[in-house]
């Protein structure tokens, strides 16, 4: 699934700080099961793909996403997709790997690469 920037969902996501280029170039896959809530796959030579559990997204009668606290996971993963676009695939992977390796005693959400997505 792709969310177009000019669609109602795209306009609401852009109000929450998601860039339109992230929406245009990111594909969202809804899956039944994941070990976590959502996952961003930085695919080399293509754009990012987001895997998100089905129960984290709610739909209304017009097949639009219902805005609510469930959007936090989607917005967080779209921030990672934006990081992947800015830095490139290999630099994105390196920065996340290095942040986890260097700051073992600090919770991951307080590292620089994750902190900007939690804001």
N, C-alpha and C. Protein backbone atom coordinates (compact mmCIF):
# COMPACT_ATOMS: atom_id res chain seq x y z
N UNK A 1 0.86 -1.16 0.00
CA UNK A 1 0.00 0.00 0.00
C UNK A 1 0.91 1.23 0.00
N UNK A 2 0.51 2.21 -0.72
CA UNK A 2 1.19 3.50 -0.72
C UNK A 2 0.20 4.55 -0.30
N UNK A 3 0.68 5.53 0.43
CA UNK A 3 -0.16 6.66 0.84
C UNK A 3 0.28 7.86 0.02
N UNK A 4 -0.59 8.35 -0.80
CA UNK A 4 -0.29 9.51 -1.63
C UNK A 4 -0.31 10.78 -0.76
N UNK A 5 0.62 11.71 -1.00
CA UNK A 5 0.66 12.94 -0.19
C UNK A 5 -0.59 13.79 -0.30
N UNK A 6 -1.31 13.72 -1.42
CA UNK A 6 -2.50 14.55 -1.61
C UNK A 6 -3.78 13.86 -1.14
N UNK A 7 -3.70 12.62 -0.70
CA UNK A 7 -4.88 11.92 -0.19
C UNK A 7 -5.22 12.45 1.20
N UNK A 8 -6.42 12.18 1.70
CA UNK A 8 -6.75 12.62 3.06
C UNK A 8 -5.79 12.08 4.12
N UNK A 9 -5.40 10.82 4.00
CA UNK A 9 -4.42 10.26 4.95
C UNK A 9 -3.08 10.96 4.82
N UNK A 10 -2.66 11.22 3.59
CA UNK A 10 -1.38 11.90 3.37
C UNK A 10 -1.36 13.30 3.94
N UNK A 11 -2.46 14.03 3.76
CA UNK A 11 -2.52 15.39 4.32
C UNK A 11 -2.46 15.37 5.84
N UNK A 12 -3.16 14.42 6.45
CA UNK A 12 -3.13 14.33 7.92
C UNK A 12 -1.76 13.90 8.42
N UNK A 13 -1.10 12.99 7.72
CA UNK A 13 0.24 12.58 8.12
C UNK A 13 1.24 13.71 7.96
N UNK A 14 1.09 14.51 6.91
CA UNK A 14 1.99 15.64 6.73
C UNK A 14 1.80 16.69 7.82
N UNK A 15 0.59 16.81 8.38
CA UNK A 15 0.38 17.71 9.52
C UNK A 15 1.12 17.23 10.75
N UNK A 16 1.40 15.93 10.81
CA UNK A 16 2.15 15.36 11.94
C UNK A 16 3.65 15.35 11.69
N UNK A 17 4.11 15.96 10.61
CA UNK A 17 5.54 16.10 10.37
C UNK A 17 6.14 15.11 9.39
N UNK A 18 5.35 14.30 8.73
CA UNK A 18 5.87 13.34 7.76
C UNK A 18 6.08 14.07 6.43
N UNK A 19 7.23 13.86 5.81
CA UNK A 19 7.52 14.54 4.55
C UNK A 19 6.76 13.87 3.39
N UNK A 20 6.45 14.67 2.39
CA UNK A 20 5.72 14.13 1.26
C UNK A 20 6.59 13.17 0.43
N UNK A 21 7.91 13.40 0.41
CA UNK A 21 8.78 12.48 -0.32
C UNK A 21 8.82 11.11 0.36
N UNK A 22 8.72 11.09 1.68
CA UNK A 22 8.67 9.80 2.38
C UNK A 22 7.40 9.05 2.04
N UNK A 23 6.31 9.78 1.93
CA UNK A 23 5.04 9.13 1.58
C UNK A 23 5.06 8.61 0.14
N UNK A 24 5.64 9.37 -0.77
CA UNK A 24 5.66 8.96 -2.18
C UNK A 24 6.53 7.74 -2.42
N UNK A 25 7.65 7.64 -1.71
CA UNK A 25 8.64 6.61 -2.03
C UNK A 25 8.61 5.40 -1.11
N UNK A 26 7.74 5.38 -0.13
CA UNK A 26 7.72 4.28 0.84
C UNK A 26 6.51 3.40 0.60
N UNK A 27 6.75 2.11 0.61
CA UNK A 27 5.66 1.14 0.49
C UNK A 27 5.40 0.55 1.87
N UNK A 28 4.12 0.46 2.22
CA UNK A 28 3.71 -0.05 3.53
C UNK A 28 3.04 -1.39 3.33
N UNK A 29 3.54 -2.40 4.03
CA UNK A 29 2.99 -3.74 3.95
C UNK A 29 2.35 -4.07 5.30
N UNK A 30 1.11 -4.47 5.26
CA UNK A 30 0.40 -4.84 6.48
C UNK A 30 0.49 -6.35 6.63
N UNK A 31 1.03 -6.79 7.77
CA UNK A 31 1.25 -8.22 8.00
C UNK A 31 0.47 -8.66 9.23
N UNK A 32 0.26 -9.95 9.32
CA UNK A 32 -0.49 -10.48 10.46
C UNK A 32 0.34 -10.58 11.73
N UNK A 33 1.63 -10.91 11.57
CA UNK A 33 2.45 -11.14 12.75
C UNK A 33 3.84 -10.58 12.54
N UNK A 34 4.36 -9.94 13.58
CA UNK A 34 5.73 -9.46 13.63
C UNK A 34 6.22 -9.62 15.06
N UNK A 35 7.51 -9.82 15.29
CA UNK A 35 8.00 -9.90 16.67
C UNK A 35 7.85 -8.57 17.41
N UNK A 36 7.86 -7.46 16.68
CA UNK A 36 7.65 -6.14 17.28
C UNK A 36 6.39 -5.52 16.70
N UNK A 37 6.24 -4.23 16.90
CA UNK A 37 5.07 -3.55 16.36
C UNK A 37 5.20 -3.25 14.88
N UNK A 38 6.35 -2.74 14.48
CA UNK A 38 6.58 -2.38 13.08
C UNK A 38 8.08 -2.45 12.79
N UNK A 39 8.42 -2.47 11.52
CA UNK A 39 9.80 -2.63 11.11
C UNK A 39 10.01 -1.91 9.78
N UNK A 40 11.10 -1.17 9.67
CA UNK A 40 11.47 -0.52 8.42
C UNK A 40 12.59 -1.31 7.77
N UNK A 41 12.39 -1.68 6.53
CA UNK A 41 13.41 -2.40 5.77
C UNK A 41 14.03 -1.45 4.76
N UNK A 42 15.30 -1.05 4.96
CA UNK A 42 15.95 -0.15 4.02
C UNK A 42 16.51 -0.93 2.83
N UNK A 43 15.72 -1.11 1.81
CA UNK A 43 16.09 -1.93 0.67
C UNK A 43 17.10 -1.18 -0.20
N UNK A 44 18.27 -1.78 -0.48
CA UNK A 44 19.25 -1.10 -1.35
C UNK A 44 18.71 -0.95 -2.78
N UNK A 45 19.07 0.14 -3.42
CA UNK A 45 18.71 0.46 -4.79
C UNK A 45 17.22 0.75 -5.00
N UNK A 46 16.43 0.64 -3.95
CA UNK A 46 15.01 0.98 -4.00
C UNK A 46 14.72 1.86 -2.80
N UNK A 47 13.49 2.09 -2.54
CA UNK A 47 13.12 2.88 -1.38
C UNK A 47 12.87 1.96 -0.19
N UNK A 48 12.48 2.52 0.91
CA UNK A 48 12.23 1.73 2.12
C UNK A 48 10.86 1.07 2.06
N UNK A 49 10.75 -0.04 2.77
CA UNK A 49 9.48 -0.72 2.95
C UNK A 49 9.20 -0.81 4.44
N UNK A 50 7.95 -0.63 4.80
CA UNK A 50 7.55 -0.70 6.20
C UNK A 50 6.65 -1.90 6.38
N UNK A 51 6.98 -2.74 7.35
CA UNK A 51 6.12 -3.84 7.75
C UNK A 51 5.45 -3.42 9.05
N UNK A 52 4.12 -3.47 9.09
CA UNK A 52 3.39 -3.05 10.28
C UNK A 52 2.28 -4.06 10.53
N UNK A 53 2.08 -4.36 11.82
CA UNK A 53 1.05 -5.33 12.18
C UNK A 53 -0.34 -4.80 11.85
N UNK A 54 -1.21 -5.69 11.42
CA UNK A 54 -2.55 -5.32 11.01
C UNK A 54 -3.37 -4.70 12.14
N UNK A 55 -3.18 -5.19 13.35
CA UNK A 55 -4.00 -4.69 14.46
C UNK A 55 -3.60 -3.30 14.94
N UNK A 56 -2.50 -2.73 14.40
CA UNK A 56 -2.08 -1.39 14.78
C UNK A 56 -2.75 -0.30 13.95
N UNK A 57 -3.37 -0.67 12.85
CA UNK A 57 -4.04 0.31 12.01
C UNK A 57 -5.54 0.05 12.02
N UNK A 58 -6.31 1.12 12.12
CA UNK A 58 -7.76 1.00 12.08
C UNK A 58 -8.29 1.76 10.87
N UNK A 59 -9.31 1.19 10.23
CA UNK A 59 -9.86 1.74 9.01
C UNK A 59 -11.30 2.18 9.26
N UNK A 60 -11.75 3.23 8.56
CA UNK A 60 -13.14 3.65 8.67
C UNK A 60 -13.93 3.09 7.48
N UNK A 61 -15.18 3.55 7.32
CA UNK A 61 -16.05 3.04 6.26
C UNK A 61 -15.58 3.43 4.86
N UNK A 62 -14.84 4.52 4.74
CA UNK A 62 -14.35 4.99 3.45
C UNK A 62 -12.96 4.45 3.13
N UNK A 63 -12.53 3.46 3.88
CA UNK A 63 -11.22 2.83 3.73
C UNK A 63 -10.08 3.83 3.91
N UNK A 64 -10.26 4.75 4.80
CA UNK A 64 -9.22 5.69 5.21
C UNK A 64 -8.75 5.27 6.60
N UNK A 65 -7.51 5.58 6.91
CA UNK A 65 -6.98 5.28 8.25
C UNK A 65 -7.63 6.19 9.27
N UNK A 66 -8.00 5.61 10.40
CA UNK A 66 -8.58 6.39 11.49
C UNK A 66 -7.43 7.00 12.28
N UNK A 67 -7.48 8.31 12.45
CA UNK A 67 -6.42 9.01 13.18
C UNK A 67 -6.58 8.76 14.67
N UNK A 68 -5.49 8.43 15.32
CA UNK A 68 -5.51 8.17 16.75
C UNK A 68 -4.13 7.80 17.24
N UNK A 69 -4.04 7.25 18.44
CA UNK A 69 -2.73 6.89 18.98
C UNK A 69 -2.05 5.77 18.19
N UNK A 70 -2.79 5.05 17.38
CA UNK A 70 -2.20 3.99 16.57
C UNK A 70 -1.25 4.54 15.51
N UNK A 71 -1.40 5.81 15.17
CA UNK A 71 -0.56 6.43 14.15
C UNK A 71 0.87 6.60 14.61
N UNK A 72 1.13 6.53 15.90
CA UNK A 72 2.48 6.75 16.41
C UNK A 72 3.47 5.76 15.79
N UNK A 73 3.08 4.51 15.66
CA UNK A 73 3.97 3.50 15.08
C UNK A 73 4.23 3.80 13.60
N UNK A 74 3.19 4.19 12.87
CA UNK A 74 3.34 4.48 11.46
C UNK A 74 4.20 5.72 11.24
N UNK A 75 3.98 6.76 12.03
CA UNK A 75 4.76 7.99 11.90
C UNK A 75 6.22 7.73 12.25
N UNK A 76 6.47 6.92 13.28
CA UNK A 76 7.84 6.57 13.67
C UNK A 76 8.55 5.86 12.52
N UNK A 77 7.89 4.91 11.90
CA UNK A 77 8.52 4.16 10.81
C UNK A 77 8.70 5.02 9.57
N UNK A 78 7.79 5.95 9.33
CA UNK A 78 7.96 6.87 8.20
C UNK A 78 9.14 7.81 8.44
N UNK A 79 9.42 8.12 9.70
CA UNK A 79 10.61 8.91 10.03
C UNK A 79 11.87 8.12 9.68
N UNK A 80 11.88 6.82 9.97
CA UNK A 80 13.02 5.98 9.58
C UNK A 80 13.15 5.90 8.06
N UNK A 81 12.04 5.85 7.35
CA UNK A 81 12.09 5.85 5.89
C UNK A 81 12.69 7.16 5.38
N UNK A 82 12.37 8.25 6.04
CA UNK A 82 12.94 9.55 5.66
C UNK A 82 14.44 9.58 5.94
N UNK A 83 14.88 9.01 7.07
CA UNK A 83 16.31 8.91 7.36
C UNK A 83 17.01 8.11 6.28
N UNK A 84 16.41 7.02 5.85
CA UNK A 84 17.00 6.17 4.83
C UNK A 84 17.14 6.95 3.52
N UNK A 85 16.16 7.79 3.19
CA UNK A 85 16.24 8.59 1.97
C UNK A 85 17.33 9.65 2.07
N UNK A 86 17.46 10.26 3.22
CA UNK A 86 18.47 11.31 3.39
C UNK A 86 19.89 10.76 3.40
N UNK A 87 20.10 9.67 4.13
CA UNK A 87 21.44 9.15 4.35
C UNK A 87 21.87 8.11 3.33
N UNK A 88 20.95 7.46 2.67
CA UNK A 88 21.28 6.33 1.80
C UNK A 88 21.19 5.04 2.61
N UNK A 89 21.10 3.95 1.92
CA UNK A 89 20.86 2.66 2.58
C UNK A 89 22.02 2.23 3.47
N UNK A 90 23.22 2.23 2.94
CA UNK A 90 24.36 1.70 3.70
C UNK A 90 24.75 2.62 4.85
N UNK A 91 24.66 3.90 4.63
CA UNK A 91 24.95 4.85 5.72
C UNK A 91 23.88 4.76 6.82
N UNK A 92 22.63 4.56 6.41
CA UNK A 92 21.54 4.37 7.38
C UNK A 92 21.81 3.14 8.25
N UNK A 93 22.15 2.03 7.61
CA UNK A 93 22.44 0.81 8.36
C UNK A 93 23.66 0.99 9.26
N UNK A 94 24.70 1.65 8.75
CA UNK A 94 25.90 1.87 9.54
C UNK A 94 25.62 2.73 10.76
N UNK A 95 24.87 3.80 10.59
CA UNK A 95 24.59 4.69 11.72
C UNK A 95 23.76 4.00 12.80
N UNK A 96 22.79 3.17 12.40
CA UNK A 96 22.00 2.44 13.38
C UNK A 96 22.83 1.35 14.07
N UNK A 97 23.67 0.67 13.31
CA UNK A 97 24.55 -0.35 13.88
C UNK A 97 25.52 0.29 14.86
N UNK A 98 26.15 1.40 14.47
CA UNK A 98 27.13 2.06 15.31
C UNK A 98 26.49 2.64 16.58
N UNK A 99 25.28 3.16 16.48
CA UNK A 99 24.59 3.69 17.65
C UNK A 99 24.30 2.59 18.67
N UNK A 100 23.95 1.42 18.19
CA UNK A 100 23.67 0.30 19.10
C UNK A 100 24.95 -0.26 19.70
N UNK A 101 26.02 -0.28 18.92
CA UNK A 101 27.29 -0.81 19.38
C UNK A 101 27.97 0.13 20.36
N UNK A 102 27.94 1.41 20.07
CA UNK A 102 28.67 2.39 20.87
C UNK A 102 28.00 2.69 22.21
N UNK A 103 26.71 2.73 22.25
CA UNK A 103 25.98 3.10 23.47
C UNK A 103 25.22 1.89 24.02
N UNK A 104 25.94 0.91 24.47
CA UNK A 104 25.29 -0.30 24.97
C UNK A 104 24.54 -0.07 26.28
N UNK A 105 25.01 0.87 27.10
CA UNK A 105 24.39 1.09 28.40
C UNK A 105 23.23 2.09 28.34
N UNK A 106 23.03 2.73 27.21
CA UNK A 106 21.96 3.71 27.04
C UNK A 106 20.80 3.05 26.31
N UNK A 107 19.57 3.22 26.78
CA UNK A 107 18.43 2.66 26.03
C UNK A 107 18.40 3.21 24.61
N UNK A 108 18.02 2.37 23.67
CA UNK A 108 18.13 2.70 22.26
C UNK A 108 17.31 3.92 21.89
N UNK A 109 16.20 4.16 22.55
CA UNK A 109 15.37 5.30 22.18
C UNK A 109 16.01 6.64 22.51
N UNK A 110 17.08 6.64 23.30
CA UNK A 110 17.77 7.88 23.65
C UNK A 110 18.99 8.14 22.76
N UNK A 111 19.32 7.24 21.84
CA UNK A 111 20.39 7.48 20.88
C UNK A 111 19.93 8.49 19.85
N UNK A 112 20.87 9.15 19.20
CA UNK A 112 20.54 10.21 18.26
C UNK A 112 19.69 9.71 17.09
N UNK A 113 19.98 8.54 16.55
CA UNK A 113 19.26 8.06 15.38
C UNK A 113 17.81 7.70 15.71
N UNK A 114 17.53 7.30 16.92
CA UNK A 114 16.16 6.97 17.31
C UNK A 114 15.45 8.16 17.95
N UNK A 115 16.19 9.00 18.60
CA UNK A 115 15.57 10.12 19.33
C UNK A 115 14.78 11.04 18.42
N UNK A 116 15.31 11.30 17.22
CA UNK A 116 14.60 12.20 16.32
C UNK A 116 13.31 11.58 15.79
N UNK A 117 13.22 10.25 15.75
CA UNK A 117 11.99 9.62 15.32
C UNK A 117 10.96 9.52 16.44
N UNK A 118 11.40 9.57 17.69
CA UNK A 118 10.47 9.54 18.80
C UNK A 118 9.86 10.91 19.08
N UNK A 119 10.42 11.98 18.50
CA UNK A 119 9.88 13.32 18.77
C UNK A 119 8.65 13.61 17.96
